[in-house]
Amino acid sequence: MSLAESLINTAHQFRLGHEAEASLLLRHCIDEIEKDHPKIIQQPEFGQILSPMLQAQERQDWLALADYLEYELPQLF
């Protein structure tokens, strides 16, 4: 499964209300980004997406987080 597919799958899990499973998948996606795409992490665009993603996660706003995972983050890859 590609990273983009993993991000979309994670977003769907958040939308379905499976927060625990989706959080584990999100951690896997972040690990994969760190390992396979280190240059992406250094781009300002990544930080502009990551910060609101983390804020959405803290607020437990799973739909907003899912939107970032499905529509915003895959565009960087």
N, C-alpha and C. Protein backbone atom coordinates (compact mmCIF):
# COMPACT_ATOMS: atom_id res chain seq x y z
N MET A 1 0.85 -1.17 0.00
CA MET A 1 0.00 0.00 0.00
C MET A 1 0.90 1.24 0.00
N SER A 2 0.59 2.20 -0.85
CA SER A 2 1.38 3.42 -0.92
C SER A 2 1.08 4.31 0.29
N LEU A 3 1.93 5.29 0.48
CA LEU A 3 1.73 6.22 1.59
C LEU A 3 0.42 6.98 1.43
N ALA A 4 0.13 7.43 0.22
CA ALA A 4 -1.11 8.16 -0.02
C ALA A 4 -2.32 7.28 0.31
N GLU A 5 -2.27 6.02 -0.07
CA GLU A 5 -3.37 5.10 0.26
C GLU A 5 -3.48 4.88 1.76
N SER A 6 -2.34 4.81 2.44
CA SER A 6 -2.36 4.65 3.89
C SER A 6 -2.97 5.87 4.57
N LEU A 7 -2.63 7.05 4.08
CA LEU A 7 -3.20 8.28 4.64
C LEU A 7 -4.71 8.32 4.44
N ILE A 8 -5.16 7.94 3.26
CA ILE A 8 -6.59 7.93 2.97
C ILE A 8 -7.30 6.89 3.82
N ASN A 9 -6.71 5.72 3.97
CA ASN A 9 -7.29 4.68 4.82
C ASN A 9 -7.39 5.15 6.27
N THR A 10 -6.36 5.83 6.74
CA THR A 10 -6.37 6.37 8.10
C THR A 10 -7.49 7.39 8.24
N ALA A 11 -7.63 8.26 7.25
CA ALA A 11 -8.70 9.26 7.28
C ALA A 11 -10.07 8.59 7.36
N HIS A 12 -10.26 7.53 6.60
CA HIS A 12 -11.55 6.83 6.62
C HIS A 12 -11.82 6.22 8.00
N GLN A 13 -10.79 5.71 8.64
CA GLN A 13 -10.96 5.14 9.98
C GLN A 13 -11.38 6.22 10.98
N PHE A 14 -10.78 7.41 10.86
CA PHE A 14 -11.20 8.51 11.74
C PHE A 14 -12.66 8.88 11.47
N ARG A 15 -13.04 8.93 10.19
CA ARG A 15 -14.42 9.29 9.85
C ARG A 15 -15.43 8.26 10.36
N LEU A 16 -15.01 7.01 10.41
CA LEU A 16 -15.91 5.95 10.90
C LEU A 16 -15.98 5.90 12.42
N GLY A 17 -15.17 6.73 13.09
CA GLY A 17 -15.21 6.76 14.55
C GLY A 17 -14.30 5.74 15.21
N HIS A 18 -13.39 5.18 14.45
CA HIS A 18 -12.44 4.20 14.98
C HIS A 18 -11.14 4.93 15.36
N GLU A 19 -11.24 5.79 16.39
CA GLU A 19 -10.12 6.64 16.75
C GLU A 19 -8.88 5.87 17.18
N ALA A 20 -9.05 4.82 17.95
CA ALA A 20 -7.89 4.06 18.44
C ALA A 20 -7.13 3.43 17.28
N GLU A 21 -7.85 2.77 16.41
CA GLU A 21 -7.20 2.13 15.25
C GLU A 21 -6.59 3.18 14.33
N ALA A 22 -7.32 4.26 14.11
CA ALA A 22 -6.83 5.32 13.23
C ALA A 22 -5.58 5.98 13.80
N SER A 23 -5.52 6.14 15.12
CA SER A 23 -4.34 6.74 15.74
C SER A 23 -3.12 5.86 15.54
N LEU A 24 -3.29 4.55 15.62
CA LEU A 24 -2.18 3.64 15.35
C LEU A 24 -1.74 3.73 13.89
N LEU A 25 -2.70 3.80 12.99
CA LEU A 25 -2.38 3.94 11.57
C LEU A 25 -1.68 5.27 11.30
N LEU A 26 -2.12 6.32 11.99
CA LEU A 26 -1.49 7.63 11.83
C LEU A 26 -0.03 7.57 12.27
N ARG A 27 0.24 6.91 13.39
CA ARG A 27 1.62 6.77 13.86
C ARG A 27 2.46 6.03 12.82
N HIS A 28 1.88 5.00 12.21
CA HIS A 28 2.58 4.24 11.16
C HIS A 28 2.88 5.16 9.96
N CYS A 29 1.91 5.98 9.56
CA CYS A 29 2.11 6.89 8.44
C CYS A 29 3.22 7.89 8.74
N ILE A 30 3.21 8.43 9.95
CA ILE A 30 4.25 9.40 10.33
C ILE A 30 5.62 8.74 10.33
N ASP A 31 5.70 7.53 10.84
CA ASP A 31 6.97 6.78 10.81
C ASP A 31 7.45 6.59 9.38
N GLU A 32 6.52 6.26 8.50
CA GLU A 32 6.88 6.05 7.09
C GLU A 32 7.35 7.35 6.45
N ILE A 33 6.70 8.45 6.77
CA ILE A 33 7.12 9.74 6.23
C ILE A 33 8.53 10.07 6.71
N GLU A 34 8.77 9.88 8.00
CA GLU A 34 10.10 10.17 8.55
C GLU A 34 11.18 9.31 7.91
N LYS A 35 10.86 8.04 7.65
CA LYS A 35 11.84 7.10 7.11
C LYS A 35 12.05 7.28 5.61
N ASP A 36 10.96 7.38 4.86
CA ASP A 36 11.06 7.35 3.40
C ASP A 36 11.03 8.73 2.72
N HIS A 37 10.61 9.75 3.45
CA HIS A 37 10.47 11.07 2.83
C HIS A 37 11.02 12.17 3.74
N PRO A 38 12.29 12.06 4.16
CA PRO A 38 12.82 13.05 5.11
C PRO A 38 12.85 14.47 4.57
N LYS A 39 12.97 14.64 3.26
CA LYS A 39 13.01 15.99 2.68
C LYS A 39 11.65 16.68 2.79
N ILE A 40 10.59 15.91 2.78
CA ILE A 40 9.24 16.48 2.90
C ILE A 40 9.09 17.15 4.26
N ILE A 41 9.63 16.54 5.29
CA ILE A 41 9.51 17.06 6.65
C ILE A 41 10.15 18.43 6.76
N GLN A 42 11.17 18.69 5.97
CA GLN A 42 11.88 19.96 6.03
C GLN A 42 11.18 21.06 5.26
N GLN A 43 10.19 20.72 4.46
CA GLN A 43 9.48 21.73 3.68
C GLN A 43 8.53 22.52 4.56
N PRO A 44 8.44 23.83 4.34
CA PRO A 44 7.52 24.65 5.13
C PRO A 44 6.06 24.20 4.99
N GLU A 45 5.72 23.67 3.81
CA GLU A 45 4.35 23.22 3.59
C GLU A 45 3.95 22.09 4.54
N PHE A 46 4.92 21.25 4.88
CA PHE A 46 4.64 20.14 5.80
C PHE A 46 4.29 20.70 7.18
N GLY A 47 5.06 21.66 7.65
CA GLY A 47 4.79 22.28 8.93
C GLY A 47 3.45 23.01 8.96
N GLN A 48 3.09 23.60 7.81
CA GLN A 48 1.81 24.31 7.72
C GLN A 48 0.63 23.35 7.79
N ILE A 49 0.85 22.11 7.42
CA ILE A 49 -0.21 21.10 7.52
C ILE A 49 -0.14 20.37 8.85
N LEU A 50 1.07 20.08 9.31
CA LEU A 50 1.24 19.29 10.53
C LEU A 50 0.68 20.01 11.76
N SER A 51 0.93 21.28 11.89
CA SER A 51 0.48 22.01 13.07
C SER A 51 -1.05 21.96 13.23
N PRO A 52 -1.82 22.30 12.21
CA PRO A 52 -3.28 22.20 12.37
C PRO A 52 -3.77 20.75 12.53
N MET A 53 -3.03 19.80 11.95
CA MET A 53 -3.40 18.39 12.15
C MET A 53 -3.29 18.01 13.62
N LEU A 54 -2.19 18.40 14.24
CA LEU A 54 -1.98 18.08 15.65
C LEU A 54 -3.00 18.80 16.53
N GLN A 55 -3.34 20.03 16.16
CA GLN A 55 -4.37 20.77 16.90
C GLN A 55 -5.72 20.07 16.79
N ALA A 56 -6.04 19.59 15.60
CA ALA A 56 -7.30 18.86 15.41
C ALA A 56 -7.31 17.59 16.25
N GLN A 57 -6.17 16.91 16.31
CA GLN A 57 -6.08 15.69 17.11
C GLN A 57 -6.26 16.01 18.59
N GLU A 58 -5.66 17.08 19.06
CA GLU A 58 -5.80 17.47 20.46
C GLU A 58 -7.26 17.80 20.81
N ARG A 59 -7.96 18.44 19.87
CA ARG A 59 -9.38 18.79 20.07
C ARG A 59 -10.30 17.60 19.87
N GLN A 60 -9.72 16.50 19.42
CA GLN A 60 -10.48 15.30 19.04
C GLN A 60 -11.48 15.63 17.93
N ASP A 61 -11.04 16.47 17.03
CA ASP A 61 -11.82 16.84 15.85
C ASP A 61 -11.39 15.90 14.72
N TRP A 62 -11.95 14.70 14.78
CA TRP A 62 -11.52 13.63 13.88
C TRP A 62 -11.84 13.92 12.42
N LEU A 63 -12.92 14.65 12.16
CA LEU A 63 -13.26 14.96 10.78
C LEU A 63 -12.27 15.94 10.16
N ALA A 64 -11.86 16.94 10.92
CA ALA A 64 -10.85 17.88 10.42
C ALA A 64 -9.53 17.15 10.19
N LEU A 65 -9.15 16.31 11.13
CA LEU A 65 -7.91 15.55 10.97
C LEU A 65 -7.99 14.66 9.74
N ALA A 66 -9.12 14.02 9.54
CA ALA A 66 -9.30 13.17 8.36
C ALA A 66 -9.17 13.98 7.07
N ASP A 67 -9.71 15.19 7.06
CA ASP A 67 -9.59 16.04 5.87
C ASP A 67 -8.13 16.35 5.57
N TYR A 68 -7.36 16.68 6.60
CA TYR A 68 -5.94 16.94 6.38
C TYR A 68 -5.23 15.70 5.84
N LEU A 69 -5.56 14.55 6.40
CA LEU A 69 -4.91 13.31 5.97
C LEU A 69 -5.27 12.92 4.55
N GLU A 70 -6.51 13.15 4.18
CA GLU A 70 -6.97 12.70 2.87
C GLU A 70 -6.72 13.70 1.75
N TYR A 71 -6.82 14.98 2.05
CA TYR A 71 -6.76 15.98 0.98
C TYR A 71 -5.51 16.85 0.98
N GLU A 72 -4.99 17.19 2.15
CA GLU A 72 -3.86 18.12 2.21
C GLU A 72 -2.52 17.41 2.16
N LEU A 73 -2.32 16.47 3.05
CA LEU A 73 -1.02 15.82 3.17
C LEU A 73 -0.60 15.03 1.92
N PRO A 74 -1.48 14.26 1.29
CA PRO A 74 -1.04 13.52 0.10
C PRO A 74 -0.53 14.40 -1.03
N GLN A 75 -0.95 15.64 -1.08
CA GLN A 75 -0.50 16.54 -2.15
C GLN A 75 1.01 16.82 -2.06
N LEU A 76 1.59 16.63 -0.88
CA LEU A 76 3.04 16.86 -0.74
C LEU A 76 3.86 15.74 -1.35
N PHE A 77 3.22 14.59 -1.59
CA PHE A 77 3.95 13.46 -2.11
C PHE A 77 3.62 13.30 -3.56
